[in-house]
Every structure is written in C-alpha cells, then in structure tokens.
C-alpha cells in the first residue's frame, strides 16, 4: 500500500501542467491511482505508483470497474 504521506504529494503529471487543474489522485481498488481531473489511471505495482504519462494514457478509457487487480507488471 502507498503511504498516505506520499499520496498527499502525488499528482497527475499531465494535469499539474494545466492551469485550473490540481491533478488530485484517488486510490481505487488499492492498486490504482485515478486522476479526478482527466481520468488517467496509474497502476501501483509492488507498492510503487507508476506515474508515467504513457501508462496513464494506456488505461484512460478503461472503466474503473474493469481495471485488472493486480495491475500487470511493466515489461
């Protein structure tokens, strides 16, 4: 599980660049971080958030209830 201290400072790397967006992330199913602003979804693999924009883009269209648990490991 990602520490609450880390979750307080993590933000969506896309939205923090855009005015008016804060990029706040919600923990979903204990294995995903979902951006409140854009809907990108970032996996948490081995308790480490994978905050790569390409990774968030890959899962953006996937409904939250369809996200795989656990997330697939990156190759």
PDB file of N, CA and C in Angstrom:
ATOM      1  N   UNK A   1       0.836  -1.186   0.000  1.00  0.00           N
ATOM      2  CA  UNK A   1       0.000   0.000   0.000  1.00  0.00           C
ATOM      3  C   UNK A   1       0.880   1.249   0.000  1.00  0.00           C
ATOM      4  N   UNK A   2       0.471   2.240  -0.733  1.00  0.00           N
ATOM      5  CA  UNK A   2       1.204   3.501  -0.809  1.00  0.00           C
ATOM      6  C   UNK A   2       0.913   4.308   0.456  1.00  0.00           C
ATOM      7  N   UNK A   3       1.943   4.903   1.027  1.00  0.00           N
ATOM      8  CA  UNK A   3       1.764   5.663   2.266  1.00  0.00           C
ATOM      9  C   UNK A   3       0.886   6.892   2.038  1.00  0.00           C
ATOM     10  N   UNK A   4       0.165   7.266   3.067  1.00  0.00           N
ATOM     11  CA  UNK A   4      -0.714   8.437   2.968  1.00  0.00           C
ATOM     12  C   UNK A   4       0.099   9.718   2.754  1.00  0.00           C
ATOM     13  N   UNK A   5       1.310   9.767   3.291  1.00  0.00           N
ATOM     14  CA  UNK A   5       2.169  10.941   3.082  1.00  0.00           C
ATOM     15  C   UNK A   5       2.530  11.100   1.605  1.00  0.00           C
ATOM     16  N   UNK A   6       2.827   9.987   0.948  1.00  0.00           N
ATOM     17  CA  UNK A   6       3.149  10.039  -0.474  1.00  0.00           C
ATOM     18  C   UNK A   6       1.920  10.420  -1.286  1.00  0.00           C
ATOM     19  N   UNK A   7       0.768   9.871  -0.941  1.00  0.00           N
ATOM     20  CA  UNK A   7      -0.460  10.187  -1.663  1.00  0.00           C
ATOM     21  C   UNK A   7      -0.814  11.670  -1.583  1.00  0.00           C
ATOM     22  N   UNK A   8      -0.453  12.314  -0.496  1.00  0.00           N
ATOM     23  CA  UNK A   8      -0.740  13.747  -0.345  1.00  0.00           C
ATOM     24  C   UNK A   8       0.036  14.600  -1.340  1.00  0.00           C
ATOM     25  N   UNK A   9       1.206  14.143  -1.764  1.00  0.00           N
ATOM     26  CA  UNK A   9       2.018  14.966  -2.665  1.00  0.00           C
ATOM     27  C   UNK A   9       1.960  14.512  -4.122  1.00  0.00           C
ATOM     28  N   UNK A  10       1.547  13.258  -4.372  1.00  0.00           N
ATOM     29  CA  UNK A  10       1.462  12.781  -5.753  1.00  0.00           C
ATOM     30  C   UNK A  10       0.354  13.498  -6.505  1.00  0.00           C
ATOM     31  N   UNK A  11       0.616  13.833  -7.760  1.00  0.00           N
ATOM     32  CA  UNK A  11      -0.365  14.475  -8.636  1.00  0.00           C
ATOM     33  C   UNK A  11      -0.219  13.887 -10.032  1.00  0.00           C
ATOM     34  N   UNK A  12      -1.270  13.972 -10.810  1.00  0.00           N
ATOM     35  CA  UNK A  12      -1.225  13.521 -12.199  1.00  0.00           C
ATOM     36  C   UNK A  12      -0.197  14.385 -12.938  1.00  0.00           C
ATOM     37  N   UNK A  13       0.797  13.755 -13.590  1.00  0.00           N
ATOM     38  CA  UNK A  13       1.841  14.540 -14.253  1.00  0.00           C
ATOM     39  C   UNK A  13       1.343  15.347 -15.451  1.00  0.00           C
ATOM     40  N   UNK A  14       0.182  15.013 -15.992  1.00  0.00           N
ATOM     41  CA  UNK A  14      -0.388  15.781 -17.107  1.00  0.00           C
ATOM     42  C   UNK A  14      -1.115  17.003 -16.562  1.00  0.00           C
ATOM     43  N   UNK A  15      -1.972  16.796 -15.585  1.00  0.00           N
ATOM     44  CA  UNK A  15      -2.844  17.876 -15.098  1.00  0.00           C
ATOM     45  C   UNK A  15      -2.119  18.964 -14.319  1.00  0.00           C
ATOM     46  N   UNK A  16      -1.020  18.632 -13.665  1.00  0.00           N
ATOM     47  CA  UNK A  16      -0.306  19.672 -12.920  1.00  0.00           C
ATOM     48  C   UNK A  16       0.267  20.742 -13.843  1.00  0.00           C
ATOM     49  N   UNK A  17       0.375  20.447 -15.121  1.00  0.00           N
ATOM     50  CA  UNK A  17       0.891  21.410 -16.099  1.00  0.00           C
ATOM     51  C   UNK A  17      -0.193  22.340 -16.626  1.00  0.00           C
ATOM     52  N   UNK A  18      -1.458  21.990 -16.389  1.00  0.00           N
ATOM     53  CA  UNK A  18      -2.568  22.754 -16.948  1.00  0.00           C
ATOM     54  C   UNK A  18      -3.169  23.688 -15.901  1.00  0.00           C
ATOM     55  N   UNK A  19      -3.362  24.964 -16.262  1.00  0.00           N
ATOM     56  CA  UNK A  19      -3.960  25.914 -15.323  1.00  0.00           C
ATOM     57  C   UNK A  19      -5.366  25.465 -14.924  1.00  0.00           C
ATOM     58  N   UNK A  20      -5.678  25.629 -13.655  1.00  0.00           N
ATOM     59  CA  UNK A  20      -7.011  25.308 -13.159  1.00  0.00           C
ATOM     60  C   UNK A  20      -7.211  23.858 -12.780  1.00  0.00           C
ATOM     61  N   UNK A  21      -6.214  23.028 -12.989  1.00  0.00           N
ATOM     62  CA  UNK A  21      -6.318  21.619 -12.611  1.00  0.00           C
ATOM     63  C   UNK A  21      -5.292  21.335 -11.526  1.00  0.00           C
ATOM     64  N   UNK A  22      -5.701  20.518 -10.554  1.00  0.00           N
ATOM     65  CA  UNK A  22      -4.746  20.190  -9.494  1.00  0.00           C
ATOM     66  C   UNK A  22      -4.202  18.774  -9.599  1.00  0.00           C
ATOM     67  N   UNK A  23      -4.836  17.903 -10.414  1.00  0.00           N
ATOM     68  CA  UNK A  23      -4.321  16.557 -10.629  1.00  0.00           C
ATOM     69  C   UNK A  23      -4.402  15.646  -9.423  1.00  0.00           C
ATOM     70  N   UNK A  24      -5.356  15.904  -8.539  1.00  0.00           N
ATOM     71  CA  UNK A  24      -5.524  15.058  -7.349  1.00  0.00           C
ATOM     72  C   UNK A  24      -5.818  13.619  -7.761  1.00  0.00           C
ATOM     73  N   UNK A  25      -5.257  12.680  -7.021  1.00  0.00           N
ATOM     74  CA  UNK A  25      -5.403  11.271  -7.330  1.00  0.00           C
ATOM     75  C   UNK A  25      -6.182  10.546  -6.242  1.00  0.00           C
ATOM     76  N   UNK A  26      -7.047   9.657  -6.665  1.00  0.00           N
ATOM     77  CA  UNK A  26      -7.813   8.809  -5.757  1.00  0.00           C
ATOM     78  C   UNK A  26      -7.279   7.395  -5.831  1.00  0.00           C
ATOM     79  N   UNK A  27      -7.167   6.716  -4.708  1.00  0.00           N
ATOM     80  CA  UNK A  27      -6.786   5.306  -4.708  1.00  0.00           C
ATOM     81  C   UNK A  27      -8.039   4.500  -5.019  1.00  0.00           C
ATOM     82  N   UNK A  28      -7.950   3.631  -6.004  1.00  0.00           N
ATOM     83  CA  UNK A  28      -9.071   2.797  -6.410  1.00  0.00           C
ATOM     84  C   UNK A  28      -8.646   1.334  -6.338  1.00  0.00           C
ATOM     85  N   UNK A  29      -9.429   0.552  -5.676  1.00  0.00           N
ATOM     86  CA  UNK A  29      -9.207  -0.889  -5.552  1.00  0.00           C
ATOM     87  C   UNK A  29      -7.829  -1.208  -4.989  1.00  0.00           C
ATOM     88  N   UNK A  30      -7.258  -0.277  -4.252  1.00  0.00           N
ATOM     89  CA  UNK A  30      -5.960  -0.398  -3.574  1.00  0.00           C
ATOM     90  C   UNK A  30      -4.778  -0.651  -4.509  1.00  0.00           C
ATOM     91  N   UNK A  31      -5.017  -0.612  -5.825  1.00  0.00           N
ATOM     92  CA  UNK A  31      -3.921  -0.886  -6.754  1.00  0.00           C
ATOM     93  C   UNK A  31      -3.857   0.099  -7.920  1.00  0.00           C
ATOM     94  N   UNK A  32      -4.671   1.143  -7.886  1.00  0.00           N
ATOM     95  CA  UNK A  32      -4.696   2.132  -8.963  1.00  0.00           C
ATOM     96  C   UNK A  32      -4.826   3.526  -8.386  1.00  0.00           C
ATOM     97  N   UNK A  33      -4.227   4.503  -9.064  1.00  0.00           N
ATOM     98  CA  UNK A  33      -4.425   5.913  -8.762  1.00  0.00           C
ATOM     99  C   UNK A  33      -5.167   6.512  -9.947  1.00  0.00           C
ATOM    100  N   UNK A  34      -6.302   7.147  -9.691  1.00  0.00           N
ATOM    101  CA  UNK A  34      -7.125   7.714 -10.752  1.00  0.00           C
ATOM    102  C   UNK A  34      -7.191   9.225 -10.568  1.00  0.00           C
ATOM    103  N   UNK A  35      -6.892   9.959 -11.632  1.00  0.00           N
ATOM    104  CA  UNK A  35      -6.914  11.417 -11.591  1.00  0.00           C
ATOM    105  C   UNK A  35      -8.351  11.924 -11.612  1.00  0.00           C
ATOM    106  N   UNK A  36      -8.669  12.805 -10.670  1.00  0.00           N
ATOM    107  CA  UNK A  36     -10.006  13.406 -10.610  1.00  0.00           C
ATOM    108  C   UNK A  36     -10.286  14.328 -11.790  1.00  0.00           C
ATOM    109  N   UNK A  37      -9.248  14.911 -12.374  1.00  0.00           N
ATOM    110  CA  UNK A  37      -9.439  15.878 -13.453  1.00  0.00           C
ATOM    111  C   UNK A  37      -9.563  15.230 -14.836  1.00  0.00           C
ATOM    112  N   UNK A  38      -8.637  14.342 -15.182  1.00  0.00           N
ATOM    113  CA  UNK A  38      -8.599  13.820 -16.550  1.00  0.00           C
ATOM    114  C   UNK A  38      -9.002  12.357 -16.683  1.00  0.00           C
ATOM    115  N   UNK A  39      -9.030  11.638 -15.571  1.00  0.00           N
ATOM    116  CA  UNK A  39      -9.417  10.234 -15.625  1.00  0.00           C
ATOM    117  C   UNK A  39      -8.291   9.275 -15.968  1.00  0.00           C
ATOM    118  N   UNK A  40      -7.068   9.769 -16.102  1.00  0.00           N
ATOM    119  CA  UNK A  40      -5.961   8.838 -16.345  1.00  0.00           C
ATOM    120  C   UNK A  40      -5.819   7.927 -15.127  1.00  0.00           C
ATOM    121  N   UNK A  41      -5.382   6.707 -15.401  1.00  0.00           N
ATOM    122  CA  UNK A  41      -5.258   5.716 -14.342  1.00  0.00           C
ATOM    123  C   UNK A  41      -3.824   5.206 -14.309  1.00  0.00           C
ATOM    124  N   UNK A  42      -3.219   5.300 -13.135  1.00  0.00           N
ATOM    125  CA  UNK A  42      -1.832   4.901 -12.949  1.00  0.00           C
ATOM    126  C   UNK A  42      -1.789   3.694 -12.021  1.00  0.00           C
ATOM    127  N   UNK A  43      -1.131   2.603 -12.455  1.00  0.00           N
ATOM    128  CA  UNK A  43      -1.085   1.403 -11.621  1.00  0.00           C
ATOM    129  C   UNK A  43      -0.110   1.551 -10.456  1.00  0.00           C
ATOM    130  N   UNK A  44      -0.383   0.815  -9.406  1.00  0.00           N
ATOM    131  CA  UNK A  44       0.540   0.700  -8.281  1.00  0.00           C
ATOM    132  C   UNK A  44       1.079  -0.725  -8.348  1.00  0.00           C
ATOM    133  N   UNK A  45       2.360  -0.854  -8.678  1.00  0.00           N
ATOM    134  CA  UNK A  45       2.986  -2.163  -8.851  1.00  0.00           C
ATOM    135  C   UNK A  45       4.021  -2.362  -7.751  1.00  0.00           C
ATOM    136  N   UNK A  46       3.868  -3.434  -6.983  1.00  0.00           N
ATOM    137  CA  UNK A  46       4.771  -3.715  -5.864  1.00  0.00           C
ATOM    138  C   UNK A  46       4.869  -2.516  -4.921  1.00  0.00           C
ATOM    139  N   UNK A  47       3.727  -1.902  -4.630  1.00  0.00           N
ATOM    140  CA  UNK A  47       3.616  -0.741  -3.730  1.00  0.00           C
ATOM    141  C   UNK A  47       4.292   0.521  -4.260  1.00  0.00           C
ATOM    142  N   UNK A  48       4.588   0.557  -5.568  1.00  0.00           N
ATOM    143  CA  UNK A  48       5.217   1.730  -6.177  1.00  0.00           C
ATOM    144  C   UNK A  48       4.284   2.283  -7.250  1.00  0.00           C
ATOM    145  N   UNK A  49       3.834   3.536  -7.114  1.00  0.00           N
ATOM    146  CA  UNK A  49       2.998   4.143  -8.155  1.00  0.00           C
ATOM    147  C   UNK A  49       3.794   4.353  -9.436  1.00  0.00           C
ATOM    148  N   UNK A  50       3.242   3.902 -10.543  1.00  0.00           N
ATOM    149  CA  UNK A  50       3.885   4.066 -11.850  1.00  0.00           C
ATOM    150  C   UNK A  50       3.260   5.312 -12.480  1.00  0.00           C
ATOM    151  N   UNK A  51       3.927   6.457 -12.303  1.00  0.00           N
ATOM    152  CA  UNK A  51       3.377   7.747 -12.690  1.00  0.00           C
ATOM    153  C   UNK A  51       3.874   8.212 -14.063  1.00  0.00           C
ATOM    154  N   UNK A  52       4.027   7.287 -14.982  1.00  0.00           N
ATOM    155  CA  UNK A  52       4.441   7.622 -16.340  1.00  0.00           C
ATOM    156  C   UNK A  52       3.215   8.034 -17.150  1.00  0.00           C
ATOM    157  N   UNK A  53       3.321   9.120 -17.900  1.00  0.00           N
ATOM    158  CA  UNK A  53       2.188   9.611 -18.684  1.00  0.00           C
ATOM    159  C   UNK A  53       1.700   8.541 -19.657  1.00  0.00           C
ATOM    160  N   UNK A  54       2.614   7.839 -20.313  1.00  0.00           N
ATOM    161  CA  UNK A  54       2.215   6.777 -21.253  1.00  0.00           C
ATOM    162  C   UNK A  54       1.389   5.704 -20.551  1.00  0.00           C
ATOM    163  N   UNK A  55       1.731   5.389 -19.331  1.00  0.00           N
ATOM    164  CA  UNK A  55       0.993   4.377 -18.571  1.00  0.00           C
ATOM    165  C   UNK A  55      -0.405   4.889 -18.235  1.00  0.00           C
ATOM    166  N   UNK A  56      -0.515   6.139 -17.823  1.00  0.00           N
ATOM    167  CA  UNK A  56      -1.824   6.730 -17.540  1.00  0.00           C
ATOM    168  C   UNK A  56      -2.699   6.801 -18.777  1.00  0.00           C
ATOM    169  N   UNK A  57      -2.089   7.138 -19.929  1.00  0.00           N
ATOM    170  CA  UNK A  57      -2.817   7.193 -21.196  1.00  0.00           C
ATOM    171  C   UNK A  57      -3.355   5.818 -21.592  1.00  0.00           C
ATOM    172  N   UNK A  58      -2.559   4.793 -21.351  1.00  0.00           N
ATOM    173  CA  UNK A  58      -2.919   3.435 -21.748  1.00  0.00           C
ATOM    174  C   UNK A  58      -4.237   2.982 -21.099  1.00  0.00           C
ATOM    175  N   UNK A  59      -4.496   3.428 -19.874  1.00  0.00           N
ATOM    176  CA  UNK A  59      -5.655   2.962 -19.112  1.00  0.00           C
ATOM    177  C   UNK A  59      -6.782   3.984 -19.038  1.00  0.00           C
ATOM    178  N   UNK A  60      -6.622   5.130 -19.667  1.00  0.00           N
ATOM    179  CA  UNK A  60      -7.596   6.222 -19.539  1.00  0.00           C
ATOM    180  C   UNK A  60      -9.013   5.808 -19.925  1.00  0.00           C
ATOM    181  N   UNK A  61      -9.168   5.060 -20.997  1.00  0.00           N
ATOM    182  CA  UNK A  61     -10.505   4.685 -21.473  1.00  0.00           C
ATOM    183  C   UNK A  61     -11.097   3.474 -20.738  1.00  0.00           C
ATOM    184  N   UNK A  62     -10.308   2.823 -19.918  1.00  0.00           N
ATOM    185  CA  UNK A  62     -10.783   1.642 -19.197  1.00  0.00           C
ATOM    186  C   UNK A  62     -11.634   2.072 -18.010  1.00  0.00           C
ATOM    187  N   UNK A  63     -12.865   1.561 -17.906  1.00  0.00           N
ATOM    188  CA  UNK A  63     -13.684   1.895 -16.739  1.00  0.00           C
ATOM    189  C   UNK A  63     -13.020   1.375 -15.456  1.00  0.00           C
ATOM    190  N   UNK A  64     -13.217   2.095 -14.373  1.00  0.00           N
ATOM    191  CA  UNK A  64     -12.598   1.738 -13.095  1.00  0.00           C
ATOM    192  C   UNK A  64     -12.902   0.289 -12.719  1.00  0.00           C
ATOM    193  N   UNK A  65     -14.152  -0.130 -12.919  1.00  0.00           N
ATOM    194  CA  UNK A  65     -14.525  -1.488 -12.532  1.00  0.00           C
ATOM    195  C   UNK A  65     -13.885  -2.556 -13.414  1.00  0.00           C
ATOM    196  N   UNK A  66     -13.303  -2.170 -14.552  1.00  0.00           N
ATOM    197  CA  UNK A  66     -12.655  -3.125 -15.450  1.00  0.00           C
ATOM    198  C   UNK A  66     -11.128  -3.159 -15.291  1.00  0.00           C
ATOM    199  N   UNK A  67     -10.577  -2.318 -14.405  1.00  0.00           N
ATOM    200  CA  UNK A  67      -9.134  -2.310 -14.202  1.00  0.00           C
ATOM    201  C   UNK A  67      -8.692  -3.640 -13.591  1.00  0.00           C
ATOM    202  N   UNK A  68      -7.604  -4.226 -14.123  1.00  0.00           N
ATOM    203  CA  UNK A  68      -7.153  -5.505 -13.577  1.00  0.00           C
ATOM    204  C   UNK A  68      -6.523  -5.345 -12.194  1.00  0.00           C
ATOM    205  N   UNK A  69      -6.840  -6.276 -11.330  1.00  0.00           N
ATOM    206  CA  UNK A  69      -6.262  -6.302  -9.981  1.00  0.00           C
ATOM    207  C   UNK A  69      -5.643  -7.671  -9.789  1.00  0.00           C
ATOM    208  N   UNK A  70      -4.350  -7.770  -9.566  1.00  0.00           N
ATOM    209  CA  UNK A  70      -3.389  -6.672  -9.536  1.00  0.00           C
ATOM    210  C   UNK A  70      -3.098  -6.165 -10.948  1.00  0.00           C
ATOM    211  N   UNK A  71      -2.553  -4.932 -11.040  1.00  0.00           N
ATOM    212  CA  UNK A  71      -2.186  -4.398 -12.351  1.00  0.00           C
ATOM    213  C   UNK A  71      -1.085  -5.250 -12.976  1.00  0.00           C
ATOM    214  N   UNK A  72      -1.042  -5.303 -14.298  1.00  0.00           N
ATOM    215  CA  UNK A  72       0.041  -6.055 -14.936  1.00  0.00           C
ATOM    216  C   UNK A  72       1.388  -5.392 -14.662  1.00  0.00           C
ATOM    217  N   UNK A  73       2.395  -6.199 -14.531  1.00  0.00           N
ATOM    218  CA  UNK A  73       3.750  -5.664 -14.320  1.00  0.00           C
ATOM    219  C   UNK A  73       4.264  -5.115 -15.634  1.00  0.00           C
ATOM    220  N   UNK A  74       5.022  -4.046 -15.539  1.00  0.00           N
ATOM    221  CA  UNK A  74       5.604  -3.444 -16.745  1.00  0.00           C
ATOM    222  C   UNK A  74       6.744  -4.325 -17.222  1.00  0.00           C
ATOM    223  N   UNK A  75       6.900  -4.401 -18.538  1.00  0.00           N
ATOM    224  CA  UNK A  75       7.986  -5.221 -19.079  1.00  0.00           C
ATOM    225  C   UNK A  75       9.195  -4.396 -19.409  1.00  0.00           C
TER     226      UNK A  75
END
